[in-house]
């Protein structure tokens, strides 16, 4: 029977305040009783008011109370890399809280590419994408300098990427894209059909086939990368600067009087006091979470982030096809940016474009689909069939093989990408709550934009000059 993975949270909550993901065995760090870190002196004279409705009978400050400089809601790649940035770039203490565990959302279901071939120089996200790519390469280099193998640690591979066209119109588009990328300082090449076949002999290449080729593009493995970042963050736990609260959903924000600051984040098990900042990086759940947290508040905020469901097909230890690079069809550019303005037609707005990579374990990863179907993470078998047939249009060796032959060696990844209607993530402070920041809406670019986003958020909180203009991602006028 097929192995199907939808990356749901582990149903068995851990009782320890610092939780290891059930998929990886890390040493747990034991902490002192939280009351020793948060004494009555801090509470003296404080008049607290609940700014929101909460989903329990009454708002009770938990006996398990902890104080941190920064509280981060969300343990996906965005939340964990923001935590990492504070830990390595400041002396602040950080708590990460999540209703599930890392890699239970879009992060764990991603394809892992850190590609620029499909991006547009001069666009709103271009600088952030370039800075993020630079930071990923710096991280891979630092791992190598420590005597470790980035391939083993991160699944890091400099495969290069190909954006493939099959029509004269595609060819014109790809020539313009190569020119744009080259003028932006990247090594980019236009490949004719003959040249493309030399790079990827397994491709079906026709008279009008062509490609844009970026030899320096990279990919990584999300699971390995999250494990590395999470483990690195935990090294700060022994110094009292880091803690994780998994299987612990946020229920309420606590404000002090009429102040425009959040004093604490209440969860189902803990009260996490924040001295400097609260950061909401909860992916596609960020909008509904903020709506609930501010339901009875005077603050008007509507974060229009929506779940955009995606499927990937993974064929384990696949040797019937050999790929030398990461590939995507030219139609992926439009597939990625389809607007969903207006009412959502759940289950109908489906698009499938060919993407193909070989991961660090030798698995063939095929994609990808995008659709609006609410928060459902169920596998849709017709979509998997569609992905397989679409891949067969590009690779003759796949077209000859029935998908049923791989029923025992396939996995399906389903993730809910955090989609924003204007195609830009939301990164910045929330008006009316001076110490609350949003970092969400990256859709399918969470991995590739994570390190730049983390740096941007940390710079905002710490008051440092920004490396990238954050104006395109600001909250006002968009939420």
Protein backbone atom coordinates (compact mmCIF):
# COMPACT_ATOMS: atom_id res chain seq x y z
CA UNK A 1 0.00 0.00 0.00
CA UNK A 2 1.26 3.51 -0.77
CA UNK A 3 2.91 5.49 1.95
CA UNK A 4 1.05 8.76 2.19
CA UNK A 5 2.37 11.63 4.25
CA UNK A 6 0.26 14.71 4.88
CA UNK A 7 2.51 16.03 7.64
CA UNK A 8 -0.10 16.09 10.35
CA UNK A 9 1.03 16.80 13.91
CA UNK A 10 1.76 13.93 16.23
CA UNK A 11 -1.44 13.25 18.18
CA UNK A 12 0.46 12.45 21.38
CA UNK A 13 1.44 15.68 23.10
CA UNK A 14 4.73 15.73 24.97
CA UNK A 15 4.62 16.81 28.57
CA UNK A 16 8.07 18.33 28.63
CA UNK A 17 8.26 22.08 28.09
CA UNK A 18 11.01 21.57 25.55
CA UNK A 19 9.91 19.07 22.96
CA UNK A 20 11.80 16.98 20.46
CA UNK A 21 10.06 16.32 17.18
CA UNK A 22 8.83 12.72 17.09
CA UNK A 23 10.57 12.29 13.74
CA UNK A 24 14.04 13.05 15.12
CA UNK A 25 15.79 12.10 18.31
CA UNK A 26 17.37 15.09 19.96
CA UNK A 27 18.34 15.45 23.58
CA UNK A 28 15.67 17.24 25.58
CA UNK A 29 16.66 20.09 27.82
CA UNK A 30 15.16 20.21 31.30
CA UNK A 31 14.30 23.64 32.69
CA UNK A 32 13.80 24.96 36.18
CA UNK A 33 10.28 25.51 37.37
CA UNK A 34 8.92 28.45 35.44
CA UNK A 35 7.85 30.26 38.57
CA UNK A 36 11.48 30.81 39.50
CA UNK A 37 11.94 32.83 36.31
CA UNK A 38 8.86 34.94 36.73
CA UNK A 39 8.36 36.29 40.21
CA UNK A 40 5.57 38.25 41.82
CA UNK A 41 7.67 41.41 41.74
CA UNK A 42 7.14 41.64 37.99
CA UNK A 43 3.40 41.32 38.43
CA UNK A 44 3.11 43.91 41.17
CA UNK A 45 1.08 46.94 40.18
CA UNK A 46 0.17 45.53 36.79
CA UNK A 47 -3.44 45.81 35.65
CA UNK A 48 -3.98 43.27 32.90
CA UNK A 49 -6.79 43.24 30.41
CA UNK A 50 -7.63 40.58 27.88
CA UNK A 51 -7.81 42.08 24.43
CA UNK A 52 -9.43 39.05 22.92
CA UNK A 53 -12.00 36.37 23.28
CA UNK A 54 -10.44 33.03 24.10
CA UNK A 55 -11.71 29.53 23.55
CA UNK A 56 -11.99 28.43 27.16
CA UNK A 57 -14.34 29.30 30.04
CA UNK A 58 -12.19 32.02 31.58
CA UNK A 59 -8.84 33.70 31.07
CA UNK A 60 -6.53 32.26 33.67
CA UNK A 61 -2.84 33.08 33.86
CA UNK A 62 -1.20 29.69 33.91
CA UNK A 63 0.78 28.63 36.93
CA UNK A 64 3.45 27.68 34.40
CA UNK A 65 4.71 31.16 33.54
CA UNK A 66 7.93 32.02 31.77
CA UNK A 67 9.52 35.29 30.68
CA UNK A 68 11.40 35.74 27.41
CA UNK A 69 12.56 38.68 25.36
CA UNK A 70 10.93 37.34 22.20
CA UNK A 71 8.00 34.92 21.80
CA UNK A 72 7.56 33.41 18.33
CA UNK A 73 4.26 31.79 17.36
CA UNK A 74 4.93 29.18 14.70
CA UNK A 75 7.63 26.52 14.35
CA UNK A 76 7.88 26.33 10.58
CA UNK A 77 11.00 27.36 8.70
CA UNK A 78 10.11 31.06 9.12
CA UNK A 79 9.61 30.89 12.88
CA UNK A 80 12.66 28.72 13.53
CA UNK A 81 15.01 30.83 11.41
CA UNK A 82 13.76 34.00 13.12
CA UNK A 83 14.57 32.36 16.45
CA UNK A 84 18.01 31.43 15.11
CA UNK A 85 18.67 35.01 14.00
CA UNK A 86 17.96 36.41 17.46
CA UNK A 87 20.06 33.72 19.12
CA UNK A 88 23.16 34.22 16.97
CA UNK A 89 22.77 37.96 16.41
CA UNK A 90 21.85 39.24 19.87
CA UNK A 91 21.77 38.28 23.53
CA UNK A 92 17.96 38.05 23.63
CA UNK A 93 16.10 35.01 24.92
CA UNK A 94 13.58 33.31 22.64
CA UNK A 95 10.57 31.02 23.00
CA UNK A 96 8.99 29.19 20.07
CA UNK A 97 5.41 28.01 20.53
CA UNK A 98 3.36 25.91 18.14
CA UNK A 99 0.11 23.96 18.18
CA UNK A 100 1.97 21.04 16.58
CA UNK A 101 5.66 20.37 15.80
CA UNK A 102 8.16 21.58 13.17
CA UNK A 103 7.58 20.44 9.59
CA UNK A 104 3.90 19.73 10.22
CA UNK A 105 2.81 22.46 7.79
CA UNK A 106 4.01 23.81 4.45
CA UNK A 107 7.70 23.54 5.38
CA UNK A 108 7.74 19.77 5.57
CA UNK A 109 5.80 19.34 2.34
CA UNK A 110 8.02 21.52 0.17
CA UNK A 111 10.29 20.58 -2.73
CA UNK A 112 13.29 22.38 -1.22
CA UNK A 113 14.53 24.44 -4.13
CA UNK A 114 16.43 27.69 -3.60
CA UNK A 115 16.07 28.80 -7.20
CA UNK A 116 16.21 32.16 -8.94
CA UNK A 117 15.48 31.05 -12.50
CA UNK A 118 11.75 31.77 -12.19
CA UNK A 119 12.13 35.09 -10.35
CA UNK A 120 12.03 38.56 -11.89
CA UNK A 121 14.80 41.11 -11.31
CA UNK A 122 13.44 44.39 -10.00
CA UNK A 123 10.25 42.85 -8.61
CA UNK A 124 9.16 43.53 -5.04
CA UNK A 125 10.62 40.24 -3.79
CA UNK A 126 13.84 40.31 -5.80
CA UNK A 127 16.11 41.92 -3.19
CA UNK A 128 14.75 39.69 -0.43
CA UNK A 129 15.22 36.60 -2.60
CA UNK A 130 18.80 37.54 -3.47
CA UNK A 131 19.68 38.29 0.15
CA UNK A 132 18.13 35.03 1.29
CA UNK A 133 20.02 33.05 -1.33
CA UNK A 134 23.25 34.72 -0.23
CA UNK A 135 22.57 33.80 3.40
CA UNK A 136 21.78 30.18 2.50
CA UNK A 137 25.08 29.92 0.63
CA UNK A 138 26.90 31.46 3.60
CA UNK A 139 25.30 28.90 5.91
CA UNK A 140 26.29 26.02 3.62
CA UNK A 141 29.85 27.39 3.45
CA UNK A 142 30.05 27.72 7.24
CA UNK A 143 28.96 24.10 7.64
CA UNK A 144 31.65 23.05 5.18
CA UNK A 145 34.25 25.14 7.05
CA UNK A 146 33.38 23.19 10.21
CA UNK A 147 34.43 19.98 8.47
CA UNK A 148 30.86 18.85 7.83
CA UNK A 149 29.16 17.98 4.54
CA UNK A 150 26.33 20.40 3.64
CA UNK A 151 24.75 17.62 1.56
CA UNK A 152 24.45 15.42 4.63
CA UNK A 153 23.52 18.22 7.04
CA UNK A 154 21.09 20.24 4.90
CA UNK A 155 20.56 18.10 1.82
CA UNK A 156 22.34 21.00 0.08
CA UNK A 157 23.03 20.51 -3.63
CA UNK A 158 24.14 23.05 -6.22
CA UNK A 159 22.21 21.40 -9.03
CA UNK A 160 21.47 24.39 -11.19
CA UNK A 161 17.94 24.96 -12.48
CA UNK A 162 16.23 24.83 -15.86
CA UNK A 163 13.08 26.73 -16.79
CA UNK A 164 11.80 24.78 -19.79
CA UNK A 165 9.73 26.04 -22.69
CA UNK A 166 8.11 24.10 -25.53
CA UNK A 167 6.62 26.79 -27.80
CA UNK A 168 7.97 29.76 -29.79
CA UNK A 169 6.25 32.03 -27.26
CA UNK A 170 8.05 30.28 -24.42
CA UNK A 171 11.33 30.72 -26.27
CA UNK A 172 10.83 34.48 -26.54
CA UNK A 173 9.92 34.68 -22.84
CA UNK A 174 13.00 32.68 -21.84
CA UNK A 175 15.34 34.82 -23.95
CA UNK A 176 14.02 37.92 -22.19
CA UNK A 177 14.36 36.26 -18.80
CA UNK A 178 17.96 35.26 -19.45
CA UNK A 179 18.74 38.81 -20.49
CA UNK A 180 17.09 40.19 -17.33
CA UNK A 181 18.91 37.75 -15.06
CA UNK A 182 22.24 38.41 -16.77
CA UNK A 183 21.80 42.17 -16.45
CA UNK A 184 21.08 41.61 -12.75
CA UNK A 185 24.53 40.04 -12.39
CA UNK A 186 23.62 36.36 -12.44
CA UNK A 187 25.18 33.65 -14.57
CA UNK A 188 22.30 32.79 -16.87
CA UNK A 189 22.26 30.95 -20.20
CA UNK A 190 19.71 30.47 -22.94
CA UNK A 191 19.66 26.89 -24.20
CA UNK A 192 18.36 25.77 -27.57
CA UNK A 193 16.66 22.42 -27.89
CA UNK A 194 19.96 20.79 -28.85
CA UNK A 195 21.78 22.32 -25.88
CA UNK A 196 18.94 21.40 -23.55
CA UNK A 197 19.11 17.76 -24.61
CA UNK A 198 22.83 17.75 -23.81
CA UNK A 199 22.07 18.93 -20.28
CA UNK A 200 19.09 16.64 -19.71
CA UNK A 201 19.08 13.59 -22.03
CA UNK A 202 15.93 12.21 -20.37
CA UNK A 203 13.82 15.16 -21.55
CA UNK A 204 11.47 15.03 -24.50
CA UNK A 205 12.87 17.82 -26.66
CA UNK A 206 10.96 19.11 -29.67
CA UNK A 207 11.68 21.57 -32.45
CA UNK A 208 10.59 24.55 -30.34
CA UNK A 209 12.06 23.43 -27.01
CA UNK A 210 14.34 25.80 -25.12
CA UNK A 211 15.34 26.69 -21.57
CA UNK A 212 16.73 29.32 -19.25
CA UNK A 213 19.61 27.81 -17.28
CA UNK A 214 21.03 29.05 -13.97
CA UNK A 215 23.95 26.75 -13.08
CA UNK A 216 24.38 28.21 -9.58
CA UNK A 217 20.87 27.52 -8.29
CA UNK A 218 20.63 25.19 -5.30
CA UNK A 219 18.24 22.96 -3.42
CA UNK A 220 18.04 21.54 0.08
CA UNK A 221 16.04 19.05 2.11
CA UNK A 222 13.48 20.70 4.39
CA UNK A 223 13.49 17.95 7.01
CA UNK A 224 17.28 17.93 7.35
CA UNK A 225 17.49 21.70 7.35
CA UNK A 226 14.85 22.13 10.04
CA UNK A 227 16.56 19.45 12.13
CA UNK A 228 19.86 21.31 11.85
CA UNK A 229 18.38 24.71 12.74
CA UNK A 230 16.30 23.30 15.58
CA UNK A 231 19.29 21.48 17.05
CA UNK A 232 21.47 24.59 16.73
CA UNK A 233 18.80 26.67 18.50
CA UNK A 234 18.69 24.16 21.34
CA UNK A 235 22.36 24.74 22.12
CA UNK A 236 21.22 28.04 23.63
CA UNK A 237 18.78 26.30 25.98
CA UNK A 238 21.47 25.52 28.55
CA UNK A 239 22.20 29.25 28.72
CA UNK A 240 18.57 29.99 29.51
CA UNK A 241 18.04 31.72 26.17
CA UNK A 242 15.85 29.27 24.30
CA UNK A 243 12.81 27.08 24.88
CA UNK A 244 10.23 25.30 22.75
CA UNK A 245 6.56 24.81 23.59
CA UNK A 246 5.12 22.33 21.10
CA UNK A 247 1.62 20.84 21.07
CA UNK A 248 0.64 24.04 22.90
CA UNK A 249 -1.74 26.23 20.86
CA UNK A 250 -1.98 29.95 21.54
CA UNK A 251 -5.31 31.01 23.02
CA UNK A 252 -4.97 34.66 23.96
CA UNK A 253 -2.88 37.82 23.97
CA UNK A 254 -2.50 39.64 27.28
CA UNK A 255 -2.21 43.43 27.32
CA UNK A 256 -1.42 45.79 30.17
CA UNK A 257 -4.11 48.44 30.62
CA UNK A 258 -4.41 50.66 27.56
CA UNK A 259 -0.82 50.14 26.46
CA UNK A 260 -0.21 49.32 22.82
CA UNK A 261 1.96 46.39 23.79
CA UNK A 262 1.27 42.72 24.36
CA UNK A 263 2.58 41.63 27.74
CA UNK A 264 2.18 37.90 27.27
CA UNK A 265 1.03 35.08 25.04
CA UNK A 266 -1.34 32.65 26.73
CA UNK A 267 -1.33 29.08 25.49
CA UNK A 268 -3.28 26.01 26.49
CA UNK A 269 -0.56 25.13 29.01
CA UNK A 270 1.61 28.19 29.63
CA UNK A 271 1.79 31.95 30.04
CA UNK A 272 4.76 33.25 28.05
CA UNK A 273 5.64 36.82 28.95
CA UNK A 274 7.41 38.85 26.30
CA UNK A 275 9.74 41.69 27.22
CA UNK A 276 10.46 42.89 23.70
CA UNK A 277 8.46 41.31 20.87
CA UNK A 278 5.81 38.80 19.87
CA UNK A 279 6.18 37.46 16.34
CA UNK A 280 3.37 35.62 14.57
CA UNK A 281 4.80 33.29 11.93
CA UNK A 282 2.04 30.70 11.80
CA UNK A 283 1.86 30.26 8.03
CA UNK A 284 -1.61 30.01 6.53
CA UNK A 285 -3.11 29.93 10.04
CA UNK A 286 -1.76 33.42 10.82
CA UNK A 287 -4.84 35.22 9.53
CA UNK A 288 -7.41 33.16 11.43
CA UNK A 289 -5.18 33.18 14.52
CA UNK A 290 -4.90 36.97 14.56
CA UNK A 291 -8.63 37.26 13.92
CA UNK A 292 -9.37 35.14 16.99
CA UNK A 293 -6.78 36.86 19.15
CA UNK A 294 -8.13 40.31 18.30
CA UNK A 295 -11.83 39.42 18.16
CA UNK A 296 -12.87 41.68 21.05
CA UNK A 297 -10.11 44.22 20.55
CA UNK A 298 -10.47 47.75 19.23
CA UNK A 299 -7.73 46.93 16.73
CA UNK A 300 -8.94 46.30 13.18
CA UNK A 301 -6.73 43.82 11.38
CA UNK A 302 -7.60 41.42 8.58
CA UNK A 303 -4.60 39.39 7.41
CA UNK A 304 -5.81 38.02 4.05
CA UNK A 305 -3.50 35.01 4.06
CA UNK A 306 -5.24 31.89 2.74
CA UNK A 307 -4.25 28.21 2.57
CA UNK A 308 -3.24 27.16 -0.92
CA UNK A 309 -3.04 23.40 -1.04
CA UNK A 310 -0.25 21.66 -2.90
CA UNK A 311 0.69 18.05 -3.71
CA UNK A 312 4.10 16.57 -4.44
CA UNK A 313 4.74 13.00 -5.57
CA UNK A 314 7.90 11.35 -4.22
CA UNK A 315 9.18 8.11 -5.77
CA UNK A 316 11.77 6.58 -3.48
CA UNK A 317 15.12 5.31 -4.78
CA UNK A 318 13.96 5.95 -8.30
CA UNK A 319 16.39 4.76 -11.00
CA UNK A 320 14.23 4.73 -14.12
CA UNK A 321 15.06 8.39 -14.71
CA UNK A 322 18.21 10.40 -14.12
CA UNK A 323 18.11 14.18 -13.71
CA UNK A 324 21.17 16.41 -13.68
CA UNK A 325 19.41 19.61 -12.61
CA UNK A 326 16.24 20.91 -11.05
CA UNK A 327 13.55 21.47 -13.67
CA UNK A 328 10.31 23.37 -14.00
CA UNK A 329 8.18 24.21 -16.99
CA UNK A 330 7.84 27.82 -18.10
CA UNK A 331 4.15 27.74 -17.20
CA UNK A 332 5.15 27.49 -13.54
CA UNK A 333 5.78 31.24 -13.52
CA UNK A 334 2.09 31.92 -14.15
CA UNK A 335 1.04 28.89 -12.10
CA UNK A 336 2.80 30.47 -9.12
CA UNK A 337 1.26 33.91 -9.48
CA UNK A 338 -2.35 33.16 -10.43
CA UNK A 339 -4.48 35.72 -8.63
CA UNK A 340 -7.30 34.56 -6.45
CA UNK A 341 -8.85 37.98 -6.00
CA UNK A 342 -12.54 37.87 -5.39
CA UNK A 343 -14.47 34.95 -3.91
CA UNK A 344 -12.61 31.67 -3.65
CA UNK A 345 -14.04 28.83 -5.69
CA UNK A 346 -12.84 26.10 -3.35
CA UNK A 347 -11.77 22.94 -5.13
CA UNK A 348 -12.05 24.51 -8.59
CA UNK A 349 -9.04 26.84 -8.86
CA UNK A 350 -6.57 24.03 -9.60
CA UNK A 351 -3.38 24.31 -11.62
CA UNK A 352 -0.66 21.73 -12.20
CA UNK A 353 2.78 22.52 -13.61
CA UNK A 354 5.72 20.19 -14.04
CA UNK A 355 8.57 20.45 -11.56
CA UNK A 356 11.14 17.70 -11.10
CA UNK A 357 14.15 17.21 -8.85
CA UNK A 358 16.24 14.40 -7.42
CA UNK A 359 16.66 14.88 -3.68
CA UNK A 360 19.66 14.08 -1.49
CA UNK A 361 18.43 10.49 -0.97
CA UNK A 362 18.04 9.73 -4.67
CA UNK A 363 14.26 10.11 -4.63
CA UNK A 364 12.45 11.61 -7.59
CA UNK A 365 10.26 14.52 -6.45
CA UNK A 366 7.55 15.56 -8.92
CA UNK A 367 5.13 18.44 -8.71
CA UNK A 368 3.33 20.50 -8.43
CA UNK A 369 -0.28 21.43 -7.86
CA UNK A 370 -1.93 24.52 -6.43
CA UNK A 371 -5.55 24.86 -5.42
CA UNK A 372 -7.80 26.64 -2.96
CA UNK A 373 -9.69 24.07 -0.92
CA UNK A 374 -9.77 25.53 2.57
CA UNK A 375 -7.71 23.88 5.27
CA UNK A 376 -8.14 20.34 3.95
CA UNK A 377 -4.89 18.38 3.86
CA UNK A 378 -6.37 15.18 2.45
CA UNK A 379 -4.64 13.55 -0.52
CA UNK A 380 -6.54 13.98 -3.79
CA UNK A 381 -5.64 10.95 -5.92
CA UNK A 382 -6.84 12.53 -9.20
CA UNK A 383 -4.33 15.33 -8.64
CA UNK A 384 -1.51 12.82 -8.11
CA UNK A 385 -2.50 11.16 -11.38
CA UNK A 386 -2.51 14.57 -13.06
CA UNK A 387 1.00 15.33 -11.76
CA UNK A 388 2.24 11.97 -13.06
CA UNK A 389 0.69 12.47 -16.50
CA UNK A 390 2.07 15.98 -16.73
CA UNK A 391 5.56 14.71 -15.91
CA UNK A 392 5.14 12.05 -18.61
CA UNK A 393 4.65 14.79 -21.20
CA UNK A 394 8.22 15.91 -20.50
CA UNK A 395 9.91 12.57 -19.77
CA UNK A 396 9.17 9.70 -22.22
CA UNK A 397 10.47 7.05 -19.83
CA UNK A 398 7.79 8.02 -17.30
CA UNK A 399 5.02 8.01 -19.88
CA UNK A 400 5.66 4.32 -20.47
CA UNK A 401 5.29 3.44 -16.77
CA UNK A 402 1.95 3.13 -14.96
CA UNK A 403 1.90 4.93 -11.62
CA UNK A 404 0.45 1.80 -10.05
CA UNK A 405 3.86 0.14 -10.47
CA UNK A 406 5.17 2.38 -7.68
CA UNK A 407 2.38 1.89 -5.19
CA UNK A 408 4.83 0.53 -2.59
CA UNK A 409 7.60 3.05 -3.14
CA UNK A 410 5.76 6.32 -3.39
CA UNK A 411 4.94 9.02 -0.90
CA UNK A 412 2.66 12.00 -1.27
CA UNK A 413 3.38 15.31 0.39
CA UNK A 414 0.47 17.63 0.99
CA UNK A 415 1.03 21.11 2.35
CA UNK A 416 -0.96 24.29 2.81
CA UNK A 417 1.00 27.22 1.44
CA UNK A 418 0.30 30.62 3.05
CA UNK A 419 -1.01 32.58 0.07
CA UNK A 420 -1.32 36.37 -0.11
CA UNK A 421 -3.48 37.87 -2.89
CA UNK A 422 -0.79 40.36 -3.94
CA UNK A 423 1.93 37.70 -4.02
CA UNK A 424 4.08 39.30 -1.31
CA UNK A 425 4.66 38.07 2.24
CA UNK A 426 3.57 40.23 5.16
CA UNK A 427 6.56 41.19 7.29
CA UNK A 428 6.44 43.94 9.88
CA UNK A 429 4.83 45.44 12.98
CA UNK A 430 1.08 45.37 13.53
CA UNK A 431 -0.46 48.86 13.75
CA UNK A 432 -1.83 49.41 17.24
CA UNK A 433 0.35 46.70 18.77
CA UNK A 434 3.84 48.14 18.72
CA UNK A 435 5.62 44.97 19.82
CA UNK A 436 3.70 42.46 17.68
CA UNK A 437 5.14 41.54 14.29
CA UNK A 438 3.83 39.43 11.41
CA UNK A 439 5.98 37.18 9.23
CA UNK A 440 3.72 35.15 6.98
CA UNK A 441 2.35 34.83 3.45
CA UNK A 442 5.44 33.40 1.72
CA UNK A 443 3.32 30.79 -0.10
CA UNK A 444 5.71 28.39 -1.86
CA UNK A 445 8.81 30.46 -1.11
CA UNK A 446 9.11 29.94 2.62
CA UNK A 447 12.34 27.95 2.42
CA UNK A 448 13.97 30.18 -0.16
CA UNK A 449 13.02 33.45 1.61
CA UNK A 450 13.42 32.25 5.20
CA UNK A 451 16.88 33.55 6.08
CA UNK A 452 16.27 36.98 4.55
CA UNK A 453 12.94 37.21 6.34
CA UNK A 454 14.55 36.24 9.65
CA UNK A 455 17.22 38.89 9.23
CA UNK A 456 14.59 41.51 8.33
CA UNK A 457 12.43 40.76 11.37
CA UNK A 458 15.38 40.74 13.77
CA UNK A 459 16.64 44.05 12.39
CA UNK A 460 13.20 45.60 12.90
CA UNK A 461 12.96 44.44 16.50
CA UNK A 462 16.55 45.38 17.35
CA UNK A 463 16.41 48.72 15.56
CA UNK A 464 19.21 47.83 13.16
CA UNK A 465 19.46 49.27 9.64
CA UNK A 466 17.72 46.95 7.22
CA UNK A 467 19.70 45.12 4.54
CA UNK A 468 16.61 44.93 2.34
CA UNK A 469 13.83 47.49 1.91
CA UNK A 470 10.87 46.18 3.91
CA UNK A 471 8.31 48.62 2.47
CA UNK A 472 6.81 46.12 -0.04
CA UNK A 473 6.05 43.73 2.83
CA UNK A 474 4.67 46.17 5.41
CA UNK A 475 1.32 45.53 7.10
CA UNK A 476 -0.45 48.91 6.60
CA UNK A 477 -2.62 49.05 3.52
CA UNK A 478 -2.53 45.28 3.06
CA UNK A 479 -4.22 43.90 6.19
